[in-house]
Amino acid sequence: MPKGPKGEKRPADVIANAVKVMRIATGEEQEEYDTPEKSGKDPAAVSMGQRGGKARAEKMTPERRAEIAKKAAEKRWKRP
C-alpha cells in the first residue's frame, strides 16, 4: 500500500484514495501514522537525528556552508 508524505497508508486506487481522504476530512476515519516504534526505529535516535542537522548548521561558518553548497551545485549540474 502506498504511503503519504507523513507515512500514512493510502489506497493505490485513485477513487479509493479520494474516498479515504474525504472520510478523513469529514472525521469518519482517523488518519494512521507510522511512529518510530512501528517502523522499528529507536525513538531516542530519531529525536537526536532531527536535532543533529540544525546543530551542525549552527556550528558551521558561512564560508564552510558556501563551500558545501558549491560542491553540491557542481554535482547536481554535472553532465553525465
Foldseek 3Di string as FASTA:
>chain_A
DDADPQRWDADPDPVRRVVVVVCCVVVVDPTDGDDCVNVVHDPVVVVCVVVVVVVVVVPDDPVVVVVVVVVVVCVVPPDD
